[in-house]
C-alpha atoms as a PDB file:
ATOM      1  CA  MET A   1      38.957   9.767 -44.195  1.00  0.00           C
ATOM      2  CA  GLN A   2      40.990   7.330 -42.580  1.00  0.00           C
ATOM      3  CA  GLN A   3      40.151   4.790 -39.564  1.00  0.00           C
ATOM      4  CA  SER A   4      41.400   5.122 -36.504  1.00  0.00           C
ATOM      5  CA  ASN A   5      42.530   2.182 -34.168  1.00  0.00           C
ATOM      6  CA  ASN A   6      39.654   3.151 -31.701  1.00  0.00           C
ATOM      7  CA  THR A   7      36.966   1.948 -34.211  1.00  0.00           C
ATOM      8  CA  ASP A   8      33.897   4.065 -32.367  1.00  0.00           C
ATOM      9  CA  SER A   9      35.461   7.003 -34.157  1.00  0.00           C
ATOM     10  CA  TRP A  10      37.391   8.114 -37.283  1.00  0.00           C
ATOM     11  CA  ARG A  11      39.674  11.165 -38.185  1.00  0.00           C
ATOM     12  CA  LEU A  12      37.970  13.253 -40.528  1.00  0.00           C
ATOM     13  CA  CYS A  13      39.697  16.723 -41.577  1.00  0.00           C
ATOM     14  CA  GLY A  14      42.311  16.559 -38.799  1.00  0.00           C
ATOM     15  CA  LYS A  15      39.791  15.960 -36.091  1.00  0.00           C
ATOM     16  CA  ARG A  16      38.247  12.459 -34.273  1.00  0.00           C
ATOM     17  CA  VAL A  17      34.473  12.619 -35.427  1.00  0.00           C
ATOM     18  CA  PRO A  18      32.164   9.660 -33.706  1.00  0.00           C
ATOM     19  CA  ARG A  19      31.677   6.738 -36.470  1.00  0.00           C
ATOM     20  CA  GLY A  20      27.517   6.632 -35.739  1.00  0.00           C
ATOM     21  CA  GLU A  21      27.666  10.402 -37.139  1.00  0.00           C
ATOM     22  CA  ILE A  22      29.675   9.986 -40.058  1.00  0.00           C
ATOM     23  CA  LEU A  23      27.262   7.463 -41.201  1.00  0.00           C
ATOM     24  CA  PHE A  24      24.042   8.762 -40.330  1.00  0.00           C
ATOM     25  CA  PHE A  25      24.617  11.973 -42.231  1.00  0.00           C
ATOM     26  CA  SER A  26      26.245   9.928 -45.504  1.00  0.00           C
ATOM     27  CA  GLN A  27      23.288   7.871 -45.192  1.00  0.00           C
ATOM     28  CA  ILE A  28      20.416  10.694 -44.908  1.00  0.00           C
ATOM     29  CA  ILE A  29      22.572  12.873 -47.810  1.00  0.00           C
ATOM     30  CA  ILE A  30      22.585   9.883 -49.819  1.00  0.00           C
ATOM     31  CA  LEU A  31      18.668   9.127 -49.292  1.00  0.00           C
ATOM     32  CA  TYR A  32      17.772  12.957 -49.917  1.00  0.00           C
ATOM     33  CA  ILE A  33      19.799  12.531 -53.215  1.00  0.00           C
ATOM     34  CA  ILE A  34      17.413   9.607 -54.206  1.00  0.00           C
ATOM     35  CA  ILE A  35      14.819  11.506 -52.893  1.00  0.00           C
ATOM     36  CA  ILE A  36      14.875  14.431 -55.419  1.00  0.00           C
ATOM     37  CA  SER A  37      16.217  12.537 -58.646  1.00  0.00           C
ATOM     38  CA  CYS A  38      13.182  10.292 -58.033  1.00  0.00           C
ATOM     39  CA  LEU A  39      10.938  13.458 -57.664  1.00  0.00           C
ATOM     40  CA  ILE A  40      12.139  14.860 -60.828  1.00  0.00           C
ATOM     41  CA  ASN A  41      12.403  12.137 -62.788  1.00  0.00           C
ATOM     42  CA  LEU A  42       8.623  11.349 -61.785  1.00  0.00           C
ATOM     43  CA  SER A  43       7.800  15.146 -62.794  1.00  0.00           C
ATOM     44  CA  PHE A  44       9.108  14.988 -66.350  1.00  0.00           C
ATOM     45  CA  ASN A  45       8.100  11.509 -66.559  1.00  0.00           C
ATOM     46  CA  ILE A  46      11.418  10.100 -67.385  1.00  0.00           C
ATOM     47  CA  GLY A  47      12.123   6.718 -67.642  1.00  0.00           C
ATOM     48  CA  ASN A  48       9.825   3.973 -65.812  1.00  0.00           C
ATOM     49  CA  GLN A  49       7.535   5.851 -63.205  1.00  0.00           C
ATOM     50  CA  SER A  50       6.954   2.494 -61.073  1.00  0.00           C
ATOM     51  CA  LEU A  51      10.625   2.199 -60.449  1.00  0.00           C
ATOM     52  CA  PHE A  52      10.936   5.845 -58.849  1.00  0.00           C
ATOM     53  CA  ILE A  53       7.475   5.426 -57.383  1.00  0.00           C
ATOM     54  CA  CYS A  54       8.891   1.801 -55.571  1.00  0.00           C
ATOM     55  CA  LEU A  55      12.187   3.734 -54.727  1.00  0.00           C
ATOM     56  CA  LEU A  56      10.696   7.241 -53.365  1.00  0.00           C
ATOM     57  CA  SER A  57       8.044   5.062 -51.092  1.00  0.00           C
ATOM     58  CA  SER A  58      11.082   2.911 -49.945  1.00  0.00           C
ATOM     59  CA  SER A  59      13.031   5.853 -49.060  1.00  0.00           C
ATOM     60  CA  VAL A  60      10.712   7.856 -47.408  1.00  0.00           C
ATOM     61  CA  GLY A  61       9.552   4.757 -45.310  1.00  0.00           C
ATOM     62  CA  TYR A  62      13.416   4.266 -44.319  1.00  0.00           C
ATOM     63  CA  ILE A  63      13.636   7.827 -42.876  1.00  0.00           C
ATOM     64  CA  LEU A  64      10.112   8.421 -40.995  1.00  0.00           C
ATOM     65  CA  PRO A  65      10.375   6.551 -37.339  1.00  0.00           C
ATOM     66  CA  ASN A  66       8.830   3.513 -36.910  1.00  0.00           C
ATOM     67  CA  PRO A  67       4.911   4.041 -35.071  1.00  0.00           C
ATOM     68  CA  SER A  68       4.901   2.932 -31.568  1.00  0.00           C
ATOM     69  CA  THR A  69       1.926   3.254 -29.170  1.00  0.00           C
ATOM     70  CA  SER A  70       2.480   5.489 -26.627  1.00  0.00           C
ATOM     71  CA  LYS A  71       1.787   5.301 -23.166  1.00  0.00           C
ATOM     72  CA  GLN A  72       0.406   7.624 -20.776  1.00  0.00           C
ATOM     73  CA  LYS A  73       2.532   8.738 -17.199  1.00  0.00           C
ATOM     74  CA  GLY A  74       1.451   7.754 -14.032  1.00  0.00           C
ATOM     75  CA  LYS A  75      -1.068   4.613 -15.909  1.00  0.00           C
ATOM     76  CA  ASN A  76      -0.046   1.504 -14.838  1.00  0.00           C
ATOM     77  CA  ARG A  77      -3.131  -0.183 -15.732  1.00  0.00           C
ATOM     78  CA  GLU A  78      -3.172  -1.254 -19.548  1.00  0.00           C
ATOM     79  CA  ILE A  79      -7.064  -2.672 -21.365  1.00  0.00           C
ATOM     80  CA  LYS A  80      -6.681  -5.567 -22.700  1.00  0.00           C
ATOM     81  CA  SER A  81      -9.915  -7.009 -23.620  1.00  0.00           C
ATOM     82  CA  ILE A  82     -13.339  -5.667 -23.877  1.00  0.00           C
ATOM     83  CA  GLU A  83     -14.096  -6.892 -20.808  1.00  0.00           C
ATOM     84  CA  ASP A  84     -11.565  -4.456 -18.853  1.00  0.00           C
ATOM     85  CA  PHE A  85     -13.260  -1.508 -20.821  1.00  0.00           C
ATOM     86  CA  VAL A  86     -16.467  -1.787 -20.259  1.00  0.00           C
ATOM     87  CA  ASP A  87     -18.669  -3.905 -17.251  1.00  0.00           C
ATOM     88  CA  HIS A  88     -21.520  -6.395 -17.219  1.00  0.00           C
ATOM     89  CA  LYS A  89     -24.197  -3.322 -17.088  1.00  0.00           C
ATOM     90  CA  GLY A  90     -22.219  -1.222 -20.928  1.00  0.00           C
ATOM     91  CA  LYS A  91     -21.257   1.056 -17.808  1.00  0.00           C
ATOM     92  CA  GLU A  92     -17.741   2.578 -18.815  1.00  0.00           C
ATOM     93  CA  ILE A  93     -15.036   1.863 -15.748  1.00  0.00           C
ATOM     94  CA  ALA A  94     -11.586   2.861 -18.264  1.00  0.00           C
ATOM     95  CA  THR A  95     -10.507   4.983 -20.175  1.00  0.00           C
ATOM     96  CA  LYS A  96      -9.395   4.912 -23.848  1.00  0.00           C
ATOM     97  CA  PRO A  97      -5.439   5.007 -23.889  1.00  0.00           C
END
Protein backbone atom coordinates (compact mmCIF):
# COMPACT_ATOMS: atom_id res chain seq x y z
CA MET A 1 0.00 0.00 0.00
CA GLN A 2 1.66 3.19 -1.19
CA GLN A 3 0.55 6.67 -0.35
CA SER A 4 0.09 8.85 -3.42
CA ASN A 5 0.62 12.58 -3.72
CA ASN A 6 -3.07 13.13 -2.97
CA THR A 7 -3.64 12.44 0.75
CA ASP A 8 -7.36 11.74 0.24
CA SER A 9 -6.77 8.53 -1.72
CA TRP A 10 -4.24 5.70 -1.59
CA ARG A 11 -3.18 3.23 -4.25
CA LEU A 12 -4.18 -0.32 -3.44
CA CYS A 13 -3.80 -3.14 -6.00
CA GLY A 14 -3.35 -0.60 -8.78
CA LYS A 15 -6.55 1.34 -8.00
CA ARG A 16 -7.13 4.57 -6.16
CA VAL A 17 -9.11 3.94 -3.00
CA PRO A 18 -10.33 6.64 -0.60
CA ARG A 19 -8.16 6.77 2.49
CA GLY A 20 -11.17 6.90 4.82
CA GLU A 21 -12.55 3.62 3.49
CA ILE A 22 -9.29 1.78 4.03
CA LEU A 23 -9.00 3.08 7.59
CA PHE A 24 -12.63 2.26 8.39
CA PHE A 25 -12.49 -1.31 7.12
CA SER A 26 -9.12 -2.00 8.76
CA GLN A 27 -10.44 -0.74 12.11
CA ILE A 28 -13.57 -2.89 11.81
CA ILE A 29 -11.54 -6.00 10.90
CA ILE A 30 -9.18 -5.46 13.85
CA LEU A 31 -12.12 -4.94 16.21
CA TYR A 32 -13.83 -8.12 15.05
CA ILE A 33 -10.58 -10.06 15.58
CA ILE A 34 -10.35 -8.65 19.12
CA ILE A 35 -14.01 -9.48 19.85
CA ILE A 36 -13.70 -13.05 18.54
CA SER A 37 -10.48 -13.70 20.46
CA CYS A 38 -12.04 -12.30 23.66
CA LEU A 39 -15.10 -14.51 23.26
CA ILE A 40 -12.92 -17.59 22.69
CA ASN A 41 -10.73 -16.83 25.70
CA LEU A 42 -13.76 -16.21 27.91
CA SER A 43 -15.47 -19.40 26.71
CA PHE A 44 -12.51 -21.63 27.46
CA ASN A 45 -11.42 -19.79 30.65
CA ILE A 46 -7.99 -18.97 29.22
CA GLY A 47 -6.01 -16.22 30.90
CA ASN A 48 -7.24 -13.29 32.94
CA GLN A 49 -11.02 -13.00 32.54
CA SER A 50 -11.23 -9.39 33.70
CA LEU A 51 -8.81 -8.35 30.94
CA PHE A 52 -10.89 -10.02 28.24
CA ILE A 53 -14.16 -8.64 29.62
CA CYS A 54 -12.68 -5.14 29.59
CA LEU A 55 -11.39 -5.55 26.03
CA LEU A 56 -14.71 -6.98 24.88
CA SER A 57 -16.82 -4.21 26.41
CA SER A 58 -14.49 -1.50 25.07
CA SER A 59 -14.60 -2.98 21.57
CA VAL A 60 -18.37 -3.29 21.55
CA GLY A 61 -18.67 0.26 22.87
CA TYR A 62 -16.44 1.50 20.07
CA ILE A 63 -18.49 -0.25 17.38
CA LEU A 64 -21.94 0.80 18.61
CA PRO A 65 -23.15 4.25 17.52
CA ASN A 66 -23.51 7.10 19.99
CA PRO A 67 -27.01 7.55 21.34
CA SER A 68 -28.86 10.61 20.15
CA THR A 69 -32.21 12.13 20.85
CA SER A 70 -34.63 11.65 18.01
CA LYS A 71 -36.31 14.83 16.89
CA GLN A 72 -39.72 14.50 15.31
CA LYS A 73 -40.18 16.34 12.04
CA GLY A 74 -42.68 19.15 11.99
CA LYS A 75 -42.39 20.01 15.68
CA ASN A 76 -40.44 23.16 16.41
CA ARG A 77 -41.43 23.37 20.05
CA GLU A 78 -39.21 21.76 22.66
CA ILE A 79 -40.42 20.89 26.15
CA LYS A 80 -37.84 22.36 28.51
CA SER A 81 -39.58 22.07 31.86
CA ILE A 82 -42.57 20.49 33.56
CA GLU A 83 -44.43 23.81 33.25
CA ASP A 84 -44.25 23.51 29.46
CA PHE A 85 -45.74 20.03 29.67
CA VAL A 86 -48.55 20.55 32.18
CA ASP A 87 -50.58 23.71 32.80
CA HIS A 88 -51.42 24.90 36.31
CA LYS A 89 -54.65 22.86 36.53
CA GLY A 90 -52.85 19.60 35.84
CA LYS A 91 -54.12 19.29 32.29
CA GLU A 92 -51.69 18.13 29.58
CA ILE A 93 -51.02 20.85 27.03
CA ALA A 94 -48.11 19.31 25.15
CA THR A 95 -47.14 15.82 24.13
CA LYS A 96 -43.99 14.06 25.21
CA PRO A 97 -41.27 13.93 22.55
